[in-house]
Amino acid sequence: MVKLIVLYGHPTDPAAFDAHYSSTHADLVAKMPGVRRFEVAKCTSVDGSASPYYLQAELWFDDAAALQGCLASPEGRAAAADVPNFATGGATMLTGEVLAGE
């Protein structure tokens, strides 16, 4: 398994971010081909200090080819094009090969 991890910085308007993410962006992600699992979590730090990120999204794929195919698809491009519409705090994208776990 391979996953795409998106780390969103703190938005200028958290309520607007949350509304857009839940009503628009999550629906775009749901249409992306090859996504086996999609998880979203609000970020906090373990030690109680301010987290550098506001939200984390993880999209799981069978393999790197499925991830690349998804990103190149019209649905993947539509989701990527939507990010500037709400992610005023920026977005960092990482990929990782799942070595242990589910």
PDB file of N, CA and C in Angstrom:
ATOM      1  N   MET A   1       0.844  -1.186   0.000  1.00  0.00           N
ATOM      2  CA  MET A   1       0.000   0.000   0.000  1.00  0.00           C
ATOM      3  C   MET A   1       0.890   1.251   0.000  1.00  0.00           C
ATOM      4  N   VAL A   2       0.348   2.278  -0.611  1.00  0.00           N
ATOM      5  CA  VAL A   2       0.999   3.581  -0.667  1.00  0.00           C
ATOM      6  C   VAL A   2      -0.042   4.611  -0.249  1.00  0.00           C
ATOM      7  N   LYS A   3       0.409   5.644   0.446  1.00  0.00           N
ATOM      8  CA  LYS A   3      -0.554   6.681   0.786  1.00  0.00           C
ATOM      9  C   LYS A   3      -0.037   8.064   0.432  1.00  0.00           C
ATOM     10  N   LEU A   4      -0.988   8.915   0.139  1.00  0.00           N
ATOM     11  CA  LEU A   4      -0.745  10.329  -0.081  1.00  0.00           C
ATOM     12  C   LEU A   4      -1.168  11.028   1.200  1.00  0.00           C
ATOM     13  N   ILE A   5      -0.282  11.816   1.757  1.00  0.00           N
ATOM     14  CA  ILE A   5      -0.556  12.554   2.987  1.00  0.00           C
ATOM     15  C   ILE A   5      -0.553  14.039   2.629  1.00  0.00           C
ATOM     16  N   VAL A   6      -1.631  14.721   2.994  1.00  0.00           N
ATOM     17  CA  VAL A   6      -1.723  16.160   2.754  1.00  0.00           C
ATOM     18  C   VAL A   6      -1.828  16.849   4.109  1.00  0.00           C
ATOM     19  N   LEU A   7      -0.885  17.736   4.376  1.00  0.00           N
ATOM     20  CA  LEU A   7      -0.848  18.484   5.627  1.00  0.00           C
ATOM     21  C   LEU A   7      -1.215  19.932   5.323  1.00  0.00           C
ATOM     22  N   TYR A   8      -2.317  20.384   5.880  1.00  0.00           N
ATOM     23  CA  TYR A   8      -2.808  21.743   5.641  1.00  0.00           C
ATOM     24  C   TYR A   8      -2.370  22.663   6.767  1.00  0.00           C
ATOM     25  N   GLY A   9      -1.782  23.797   6.407  1.00  0.00           N
ATOM     26  CA  GLY A   9      -1.426  24.811   7.393  1.00  0.00           C
ATOM     27  C   GLY A   9      -2.674  25.482   7.943  1.00  0.00           C
ATOM     28  N   HIS A  10      -2.493  26.248   8.985  1.00  0.00           N
ATOM     29  CA  HIS A  10      -3.627  26.928   9.620  1.00  0.00           C
ATOM     30  C   HIS A  10      -4.237  27.954   8.667  1.00  0.00           C
ATOM     31  N   PRO A  11      -5.530  27.835   8.384  1.00  0.00           N
ATOM     32  CA  PRO A  11      -6.180  28.769   7.464  1.00  0.00           C
ATOM     33  C   PRO A  11      -6.461  30.114   8.131  1.00  0.00           C
ATOM     34  N   THR A  12      -6.641  31.126   7.314  1.00  0.00           N
ATOM     35  CA  THR A  12      -6.986  32.441   7.846  1.00  0.00           C
ATOM     36  C   THR A  12      -8.394  32.442   8.428  1.00  0.00           C
ATOM     37  N   ASP A  13      -9.282  31.594   7.892  1.00  0.00           N
ATOM     38  CA  ASP A  13     -10.662  31.494   8.379  1.00  0.00           C
ATOM     39  C   ASP A  13     -10.995  30.011   8.563  1.00  0.00           C
ATOM     40  N   PRO A  14     -10.764  29.460   9.754  1.00  0.00           N
ATOM     41  CA  PRO A  14     -11.006  28.036   9.975  1.00  0.00           C
ATOM     42  C   PRO A  14     -12.434  27.587   9.659  1.00  0.00           C
ATOM     43  N   ALA A  15     -13.428  28.399   9.970  1.00  0.00           N
ATOM     44  CA  ALA A  15     -14.816  28.007   9.695  1.00  0.00           C
ATOM     45  C   ALA A  15     -15.057  27.882   8.192  1.00  0.00           C
ATOM     46  N   ALA A  16     -14.520  28.812   7.412  1.00  0.00           N
ATOM     47  CA  ALA A  16     -14.665  28.748   5.954  1.00  0.00           C
ATOM     48  C   ALA A  16     -13.917  27.531   5.398  1.00  0.00           C
ATOM     49  N   PHE A  17     -12.721  27.260   5.925  1.00  0.00           N
ATOM     50  CA  PHE A  17     -11.958  26.079   5.517  1.00  0.00           C
ATOM     51  C   PHE A  17     -12.781  24.824   5.767  1.00  0.00           C
ATOM     52  N   ASP A  18     -13.280  24.679   6.999  1.00  0.00           N
ATOM     53  CA  ASP A  18     -14.044  23.483   7.360  1.00  0.00           C
ATOM     54  C   ASP A  18     -15.275  23.312   6.482  1.00  0.00           C
ATOM     55  N   ALA A  19     -15.989  24.403   6.238  1.00  0.00           N
ATOM     56  CA  ALA A  19     -17.198  24.336   5.417  1.00  0.00           C
ATOM     57  C   ALA A  19     -16.872  23.907   3.994  1.00  0.00           C
ATOM     58  N   HIS A  20     -15.847  24.500   3.405  1.00  0.00           N
ATOM     59  CA  HIS A  20     -15.483  24.147   2.032  1.00  0.00           C
ATOM     60  C   HIS A  20     -14.965  22.712   1.964  1.00  0.00           C
ATOM     61  N   TYR A  21     -14.138  22.346   2.921  1.00  0.00           N
ATOM     62  CA  TYR A  21     -13.566  20.995   2.895  1.00  0.00           C
ATOM     63  C   TYR A  21     -14.675  19.955   2.962  1.00  0.00           C
ATOM     64  N   SER A  22     -15.610  20.128   3.896  1.00  0.00           N
ATOM     65  CA  SER A  22     -16.644  19.102   4.076  1.00  0.00           C
ATOM     66  C   SER A  22     -17.705  19.131   2.978  1.00  0.00           C
ATOM     67  N   SER A  23     -18.014  20.303   2.444  1.00  0.00           N
ATOM     68  CA  SER A  23     -19.095  20.372   1.464  1.00  0.00           C
ATOM     69  C   SER A  23     -18.628  20.248   0.019  1.00  0.00           C
ATOM     70  N   THR A  24     -17.367  20.525  -0.242  1.00  0.00           N
ATOM     71  CA  THR A  24     -16.885  20.518  -1.633  1.00  0.00           C
ATOM     72  C   THR A  24     -15.685  19.592  -1.826  1.00  0.00           C
ATOM     73  N   HIS A  25     -14.614  19.840  -1.088  1.00  0.00           N
ATOM     74  CA  HIS A  25     -13.367  19.121  -1.362  1.00  0.00           C
ATOM     75  C   HIS A  25     -13.483  17.618  -1.085  1.00  0.00           C
ATOM     76  N   ALA A  26     -14.093  17.244   0.017  1.00  0.00           N
ATOM     77  CA  ALA A  26     -14.227  15.820   0.335  1.00  0.00           C
ATOM     78  C   ALA A  26     -15.032  15.088  -0.746  1.00  0.00           C
ATOM     79  N   ASP A  27     -16.018  15.769  -1.327  1.00  0.00           N
ATOM     80  CA  ASP A  27     -16.787  15.151  -2.417  1.00  0.00           C
ATOM     81  C   ASP A  27     -15.918  14.941  -3.650  1.00  0.00           C
ATOM     82  N   LEU A  28     -15.019  15.883  -3.935  1.00  0.00           N
ATOM     83  CA  LEU A  28     -14.106  15.718  -5.063  1.00  0.00           C
ATOM     84  C   LEU A  28     -13.159  14.545  -4.818  1.00  0.00           C
ATOM     85  N   VAL A  29     -12.656  14.432  -3.601  1.00  0.00           N
ATOM     86  CA  VAL A  29     -11.757  13.324  -3.258  1.00  0.00           C
ATOM     87  C   VAL A  29     -12.492  11.987  -3.388  1.00  0.00           C
ATOM     88  N   ALA A  30     -13.745  11.950  -2.975  1.00  0.00           N
ATOM     89  CA  ALA A  30     -14.532  10.706  -3.040  1.00  0.00           C
ATOM     90  C   ALA A  30     -14.681  10.197  -4.471  1.00  0.00           C
ATOM     91  N   LYS A  31     -14.569  11.076  -5.446  1.00  0.00           N
ATOM     92  CA  LYS A  31     -14.705  10.690  -6.857  1.00  0.00           C
ATOM     93  C   LYS A  31     -13.384  10.253  -7.484  1.00  0.00           C
ATOM     94  N   MET A  32     -12.281  10.398  -6.769  1.00  0.00           N
ATOM     95  CA  MET A  32     -10.965  10.078  -7.324  1.00  0.00           C
ATOM     96  C   MET A  32     -10.810   8.562  -7.467  1.00  0.00           C
ATOM     97  N   PRO A  33     -10.340   8.100  -8.630  1.00  0.00           N
ATOM     98  CA  PRO A  33     -10.213   6.653  -8.847  1.00  0.00           C
ATOM     99  C   PRO A  33      -9.046   6.043  -8.073  1.00  0.00           C
ATOM    100  N   GLY A  34      -9.256   4.835  -7.599  1.00  0.00           N
ATOM    101  CA  GLY A  34      -8.182   4.073  -6.971  1.00  0.00           C
ATOM    102  C   GLY A  34      -7.972   4.331  -5.497  1.00  0.00           C
ATOM    103  N   VAL A  35      -8.732   5.254  -4.898  1.00  0.00           N
ATOM    104  CA  VAL A  35      -8.576   5.544  -3.472  1.00  0.00           C
ATOM    105  C   VAL A  35      -9.223   4.399  -2.681  1.00  0.00           C
ATOM    106  N   ARG A  36      -8.419   3.699  -1.892  1.00  0.00           N
ATOM    107  CA  ARG A  36      -8.909   2.569  -1.095  1.00  0.00           C
ATOM    108  C   ARG A  36      -9.422   3.008   0.273  1.00  0.00           C
ATOM    109  N   ARG A  37      -8.855   4.074   0.780  1.00  0.00           N
ATOM    110  CA  ARG A  37      -9.237   4.577   2.094  1.00  0.00           C
ATOM    111  C   ARG A  37      -8.943   6.069   2.127  1.00  0.00           C
ATOM    112  N   PHE A  38      -9.807   6.833   2.781  1.00  0.00           N
ATOM    113  CA  PHE A  38      -9.653   8.276   2.886  1.00  0.00           C
ATOM    114  C   PHE A  38      -9.951   8.657   4.331  1.00  0.00           C
ATOM    115  N   GLU A  39      -8.972   9.269   4.990  1.00  0.00           N
ATOM    116  CA  GLU A  39      -9.119   9.677   6.388  1.00  0.00           C
ATOM    117  C   GLU A  39      -8.708  11.132   6.539  1.00  0.00           C
ATOM    118  N   VAL A  40      -9.435  11.839   7.397  1.00  0.00           N
ATOM    119  CA  VAL A  40      -9.148  13.239   7.668  1.00  0.00           C
ATOM    120  C   VAL A  40      -9.114  13.417   9.178  1.00  0.00           C
ATOM    121  N   ALA A  41      -8.123  14.174   9.671  1.00  0.00           N
ATOM    122  CA  ALA A  41      -8.005  14.411  11.113  1.00  0.00           C
ATOM    123  C   ALA A  41      -7.546  15.829  11.372  1.00  0.00           C
ATOM    124  N   LYS A  42      -8.148  16.463  12.383  1.00  0.00           N
ATOM    125  CA  LYS A  42      -7.654  17.758  12.853  1.00  0.00           C
ATOM    126  C   LYS A  42      -6.370  17.488  13.634  1.00  0.00           C
ATOM    127  N   CYS A  43      -5.397  18.344  13.477  1.00  0.00           N
ATOM    128  CA  CYS A  43      -4.081  18.129  14.083  1.00  0.00           C
ATOM    129  C   CYS A  43      -3.964  18.812  15.451  1.00  0.00           C
ATOM    130  N   THR A  44      -3.329  18.114  16.356  1.00  0.00           N
ATOM    131  CA  THR A  44      -2.916  18.663  17.641  1.00  0.00           C
ATOM    132  C   THR A  44      -1.510  18.134  17.896  1.00  0.00           C
ATOM    133  N   SER A  45      -0.785  18.765  18.787  1.00  0.00           N
ATOM    134  CA  SER A  45       0.546  18.255  19.102  1.00  0.00           C
ATOM    135  C   SER A  45       0.484  17.449  20.399  1.00  0.00           C
ATOM    136  N   VAL A  46       1.380  16.549  20.553  1.00  0.00           N
ATOM    137  CA  VAL A  46       1.408  15.670  21.718  1.00  0.00           C
ATOM    138  C   VAL A  46       1.719  16.437  22.994  1.00  0.00           C
ATOM    139  N   ASP A  47       2.589  17.434  22.889  1.00  0.00           N
ATOM    140  CA  ASP A  47       3.021  18.155  24.101  1.00  0.00           C
ATOM    141  C   ASP A  47       2.154  19.364  24.457  1.00  0.00           C
ATOM    142  N   GLY A  48       1.080  19.586  23.715  1.00  0.00           N
ATOM    143  CA  GLY A  48       0.186  20.692  24.015  1.00  0.00           C
ATOM    144  C   GLY A  48       0.558  22.008  23.354  1.00  0.00           C
ATOM    145  N   SER A  49       1.707  22.064  22.709  1.00  0.00           N
ATOM    146  CA  SER A  49       2.084  23.281  21.991  1.00  0.00           C
ATOM    147  C   SER A  49       1.247  23.382  20.708  1.00  0.00           C
ATOM    148  N   ALA A  50       1.321  24.510  20.054  1.00  0.00           N
ATOM    149  CA  ALA A  50       0.573  24.710  18.822  1.00  0.00           C
ATOM    150  C   ALA A  50       1.099  23.775  17.730  1.00  0.00           C
ATOM    151  N   SER A  51       0.195  23.096  17.075  1.00  0.00           N
ATOM    152  CA  SER A  51       0.580  22.224  15.963  1.00  0.00           C
ATOM    153  C   SER A  51       0.919  23.081  14.749  1.00  0.00           C
ATOM    154  N   PRO A  52       1.924  22.680  13.971  1.00  0.00           N
ATOM    155  CA  PRO A  52       2.231  23.440  12.759  1.00  0.00           C
ATOM    156  C   PRO A  52       1.182  23.226  11.660  1.00  0.00           C
ATOM    157  N   TYR A  53       0.317  22.232  11.831  1.00  0.00           N
ATOM    158  CA  TYR A  53      -0.694  21.910  10.824  1.00  0.00           C
ATOM    159  C   TYR A  53      -2.092  21.958  11.423  1.00  0.00           C
ATOM    160  N   TYR A  54      -3.044  22.303  10.583  1.00  0.00           N
ATOM    161  CA  TYR A  54      -4.441  22.399  10.984  1.00  0.00           C
ATOM    162  C   TYR A  54      -5.179  21.080  10.746  1.00  0.00           C
ATOM    163  N   LEU A  55      -4.916  20.469   9.588  1.00  0.00           N
ATOM    164  CA  LEU A  55      -5.642  19.268   9.192  1.00  0.00           C
ATOM    165  C   LEU A  55      -4.718  18.338   8.431  1.00  0.00           C
ATOM    166  N   GLN A  56      -4.940  17.056   8.592  1.00  0.00           N
ATOM    167  CA  GLN A  56      -4.184  16.032   7.866  1.00  0.00           C
ATOM    168  C   GLN A  56      -5.168  15.148   7.124  1.00  0.00           C
ATOM    169  N   ALA A  57      -4.904  14.911   5.844  1.00  0.00           N
ATOM    170  CA  ALA A  57      -5.707  13.990   5.051  1.00  0.00           C
ATOM    171  C   ALA A  57      -4.799  12.882   4.547  1.00  0.00           C
ATOM    172  N   GLU A  58      -5.299  11.655   4.581  1.00  0.00           N
ATOM    173  CA  GLU A  58      -4.558  10.506   4.056  1.00  0.00           C
ATOM    174  C   GLU A  58      -5.426   9.769   3.046  1.00  0.00           C
ATOM    175  N   LEU A  59      -4.852   9.520   1.886  1.00  0.00           N
ATOM    176  CA  LEU A  59      -5.512   8.763   0.831  1.00  0.00           C
ATOM    177  C   LEU A  59      -4.662   7.534   0.562  1.00  0.00           C
ATOM    178  N   TRP A  60      -5.249   6.359   0.692  1.00  0.00           N
ATOM    179  CA  TRP A  60      -4.531   5.093   0.555  1.00  0.00           C
ATOM    180  C   TRP A  60      -4.802   4.480  -0.822  1.00  0.00           C
ATOM    181  N   PHE A  61      -3.739   3.923  -1.420  1.00  0.00           N
ATOM    182  CA  PHE A  61      -3.799   3.314  -2.743  1.00  0.00           C
ATOM    183  C   PHE A  61      -3.118   1.947  -2.708  1.00  0.00           C
ATOM    184  N   ASP A  62      -3.448   1.099  -3.679  1.00  0.00           N
ATOM    185  CA  ASP A  62      -2.831  -0.224  -3.750  1.00  0.00           C
ATOM    186  C   ASP A  62      -1.328  -0.136  -3.957  1.00  0.00           C
ATOM    187  N   ASP A  63      -0.897   0.799  -4.806  1.00  0.00           N
ATOM    188  CA  ASP A  63       0.525   0.921  -5.127  1.00  0.00           C
ATOM    189  C   ASP A  63       0.798   2.293  -5.730  1.00  0.00           C
ATOM    190  N   ALA A  64       2.063   2.557  -6.021  1.00  0.00           N
ATOM    191  CA  ALA A  64       2.464   3.857  -6.554  1.00  0.00           C
ATOM    192  C   ALA A  64       1.831   4.132  -7.915  1.00  0.00           C
ATOM    193  N   ALA A  65       1.658   3.106  -8.725  1.00  0.00           N
ATOM    194  CA  ALA A  65       1.037   3.298 -10.037  1.00  0.00           C
ATOM    195  C   ALA A  65      -0.412   3.756  -9.892  1.00  0.00           C
ATOM    196  N   ALA A  66      -1.122   3.206  -8.933  1.00  0.00           N
ATOM    197  CA  ALA A  66      -2.509   3.623  -8.693  1.00  0.00           C
ATOM    198  C   ALA A  66      -2.555   5.074  -8.219  1.00  0.00           C
ATOM    199  N   LEU A  67      -1.631   5.451  -7.362  1.00  0.00           N
ATOM    200  CA  LEU A  67      -1.559   6.838  -6.887  1.00  0.00           C
ATOM    201  C   LEU A  67      -1.289   7.779  -8.049  1.00  0.00           C
ATOM    202  N   GLN A  68      -0.302   7.472  -8.862  1.00  0.00           N
ATOM    203  CA  GLN A  68       0.047   8.335  -9.989  1.00  0.00           C
ATOM    204  C   GLN A  68      -1.107   8.423 -10.990  1.00  0.00           C
ATOM    205  N   GLY A  69      -1.766   7.286 -11.238  1.00  0.00           N
ATOM    206  CA  GLY A  69      -2.922   7.296 -12.136  1.00  0.00           C
ATOM    207  C   GLY A  69      -4.038   8.168 -11.603  1.00  0.00           C
ATOM    208  N   CYS A  70      -4.252   8.107 -10.313  1.00  0.00           N
ATOM    209  CA  CYS A  70      -5.283   8.923  -9.682  1.00  0.00           C
ATOM    210  C   CYS A  70      -4.968  10.408  -9.835  1.00  0.00           C
ATOM    211  N   LEU A  71      -3.744  10.793  -9.529  1.00  0.00           N
ATOM    212  CA  LEU A  71      -3.365  12.203  -9.613  1.00  0.00           C
ATOM    213  C   LEU A  71      -3.461  12.740 -11.040  1.00  0.00           C
ATOM    214  N   ALA A  72      -3.230  11.876 -12.027  1.00  0.00           N
ATOM    215  CA  ALA A  72      -3.282  12.286 -13.424  1.00  0.00           C
ATOM    216  C   ALA A  72      -4.698  12.276 -13.993  1.00  0.00           C
ATOM    217  N   SER A  73      -5.632  11.679 -13.272  1.00  0.00           N
ATOM    218  CA  SER A  73      -7.016  11.562 -13.765  1.00  0.00           C
ATOM    219  C   SER A  73      -7.718  12.915 -13.721  1.00  0.00           C
ATOM    220  N   PRO A  74      -8.794  13.079 -14.483  1.00  0.00           N
ATOM    221  CA  PRO A  74      -9.569  14.326 -14.407  1.00  0.00           C
ATOM    222  C   PRO A  74     -10.064  14.605 -12.982  1.00  0.00           C
ATOM    223  N   GLU A  75     -10.456  13.566 -12.257  1.00  0.00           N
ATOM    224  CA  GLU A  75     -10.936  13.732 -10.883  1.00  0.00           C
ATOM    225  C   GLU A  75      -9.807  14.178  -9.954  1.00  0.00           C
ATOM    226  N   GLY A  76      -8.626  13.606 -10.141  1.00  0.00           N
ATOM    227  CA  GLY A  76      -7.471  14.000  -9.341  1.00  0.00           C
ATOM    228  C   GLY A  76      -7.057  15.426  -9.625  1.00  0.00           C
ATOM    229  N   ARG A  77      -7.086  15.811 -10.887  1.00  0.00           N
ATOM    230  CA  ARG A  77      -6.741  17.185 -11.253  1.00  0.00           C
ATOM    231  C   ARG A  77      -7.778  18.172 -10.707  1.00  0.00           C
ATOM    232  N   ALA A  78      -9.054  17.779 -10.700  1.00  0.00           N
ATOM    233  CA  ALA A  78     -10.102  18.653 -10.166  1.00  0.00           C
ATOM    234  C   ALA A  78      -9.904  18.876  -8.666  1.00  0.00           C
ATOM    235  N   ALA A  79      -9.572  17.820  -7.934  1.00  0.00           N
ATOM    236  CA  ALA A  79      -9.332  17.956  -6.491  1.00  0.00           C
ATOM    237  C   ALA A  79      -8.113  18.843  -6.238  1.00  0.00           C
ATOM    238  N   ALA A  80      -7.047  18.644  -7.005  1.00  0.00           N
ATOM    239  CA  ALA A  80      -5.847  19.476  -6.841  1.00  0.00           C
ATOM    240  C   ALA A  80      -6.145  20.940  -7.163  1.00  0.00           C
ATOM    241  N   ALA A  81      -6.940  21.174  -8.189  1.00  0.00           N
ATOM    242  CA  ALA A  81      -7.279  22.548  -8.575  1.00  0.00           C
ATOM    243  C   ALA A  81      -8.139  23.241  -7.521  1.00  0.00           C
ATOM    244  N   ASP A  82      -8.843  22.463  -6.700  1.00  0.00           N
ATOM    245  CA  ASP A  82      -9.699  23.039  -5.669  1.00  0.00           C
ATOM    246  C   ASP A  82      -8.922  23.523  -4.445  1.00  0.00           C
ATOM    247  N   VAL A  83      -7.735  22.990  -4.211  1.00  0.00           N
ATOM    248  CA  VAL A  83      -6.973  23.307  -2.990  1.00  0.00           C
ATOM    249  C   VAL A  83      -6.787  24.805  -2.782  1.00  0.00           C
ATOM    250  N   PRO A  84      -6.415  25.592  -3.787  1.00  0.00           N
ATOM    251  CA  PRO A  84      -6.254  27.034  -3.548  1.00  0.00           C
ATOM    252  C   PRO A  84      -7.553  27.744  -3.149  1.00  0.00           C
ATOM    253  N   ASN A  85      -8.693  27.109  -3.365  1.00  0.00           N
ATOM    254  CA  ASN A  85      -9.977  27.716  -3.016  1.00  0.00           C
ATOM    255  C   ASN A  85     -10.235  27.775  -1.517  1.00  0.00           C
ATOM    256  N   PHE A  86      -9.493  26.989  -0.729  1.00  0.00           N
ATOM    257  CA  PHE A  86      -9.766  26.959   0.715  1.00  0.00           C
ATOM    258  C   PHE A  86      -8.510  26.892   1.576  1.00  0.00           C
ATOM    259  N   ALA A  87      -7.396  26.416   1.042  1.00  0.00           N
ATOM    260  CA  ALA A  87      -6.180  26.165   1.841  1.00  0.00           C
ATOM    261  C   ALA A  87      -5.323  27.418   1.937  1.00  0.00           C
ATOM    262  N   THR A  88      -5.835  28.429   2.624  1.00  0.00           N
ATOM    263  CA  THR A  88      -5.118  29.698   2.741  1.00  0.00           C
ATOM    264  C   THR A  88      -3.838  29.577   3.562  1.00  0.00           C
ATOM    265  N   GLY A  89      -3.712  28.501   4.332  1.00  0.00           N
ATOM    266  CA  GLY A  89      -2.501  28.261   5.108  1.00  0.00           C
ATOM    267  C   GLY A  89      -1.500  27.380   4.387  1.00  0.00           C
ATOM    268  N   GLY A  90      -1.796  27.051   3.133  1.00  0.00           N
ATOM    269  CA  GLY A  90      -0.919  26.198   2.342  1.00  0.00           C
ATOM    270  C   GLY A  90      -1.194  24.729   2.557  1.00  0.00           C
ATOM    271  N   ALA A  91      -0.614  23.913   1.700  1.00  0.00           N
ATOM    272  CA  ALA A  91      -0.772  22.466   1.775  1.00  0.00           C
ATOM    273  C   ALA A  91       0.542  21.804   1.374  1.00  0.00           C
ATOM    274  N   THR A  92       0.976  20.850   2.176  1.00  0.00           N
ATOM    275  CA  THR A  92       2.187  20.078   1.900  1.00  0.00           C
ATOM    276  C   THR A  92       1.751  18.659   1.580  1.00  0.00           C
ATOM    277  N   MET A  93       2.220  18.132   0.453  1.00  0.00           N
ATOM    278  CA  MET A  93       1.854  16.777   0.043  1.00  0.00           C
ATOM    279  C   MET A  93       3.075  15.863   0.125  1.00  0.00           C
ATOM    280  N   LEU A  94       2.882  14.713   0.753  1.00  0.00           N
ATOM    281  CA  LEU A  94       3.917  13.691   0.876  1.00  0.00           C
ATOM    282  C   LEU A  94       3.341  12.356   0.430  1.00  0.00           C
ATOM    283  N   THR A  95       4.206  11.454   0.015  1.00  0.00           N
ATOM    284  CA  THR A  95       3.776  10.084  -0.243  1.00  0.00           C
ATOM    285  C   THR A  95       4.613   9.158   0.620  1.00  0.00           C
ATOM    286  N   GLY A  96       4.050   8.001   0.909  1.00  0.00           N
ATOM    287  CA  GLY A  96       4.789   7.044   1.716  1.00  0.00           C
ATOM    288  C   GLY A  96       4.333   5.634   1.435  1.00  0.00           C
ATOM    289  N   GLU A  97       5.265   4.721   1.489  1.00  0.00           N
ATOM    290  CA  GLU A  97       4.949   3.301   1.368  1.00  0.00           C
ATOM    291  C   GLU A  97       4.622   2.784   2.768  1.00  0.00           C
ATOM    292  N   VAL A  98       3.483   2.134   2.882  1.00  0.00           N
ATOM    293  CA  VAL A  98       3.052   1.607   4.160  1.00  0.00           C
ATOM    294  C   VAL A  98       3.845   0.339   4.458  1.00  0.00           C
ATOM    295  N   LEU A  99       4.594   0.335   5.559  1.00  0.00           N
ATOM    296  CA  LEU A  99       5.443  -0.799   5.905  1.00  0.00           C
ATOM    297  C   LEU A  99       4.814  -1.710   6.943  1.00  0.00           C
ATOM    298  N   ALA A 100       3.919  -1.176   7.750  1.00  0.00           N
ATOM    299  CA  ALA A 100       3.274  -1.976   8.787  1.00  0.00           C
ATOM    300  C   ALA A 100       1.897  -1.390   9.055  1.00  0.00           C
ATOM    301  N   GLY A 101       1.028  -2.158   9.673  1.00  0.00           N
ATOM    302  CA  GLY A 101      -0.304  -1.700   9.998  1.00  0.00           C
ATOM    303  C   GLY A 101      -1.333  -2.359   9.102  1.00  0.00           C
ATOM    304  N   GLU A 102      -2.471  -1.707   8.982  1.00  0.00           N
ATOM    305  CA  GLU A 102      -3.570  -2.258   8.180  1.00  0.00           C
ATOM    306  C   GLU A 102      -3.215  -2.337   6.733  1.00  0.00           C
TER     307      GLU A 102
END
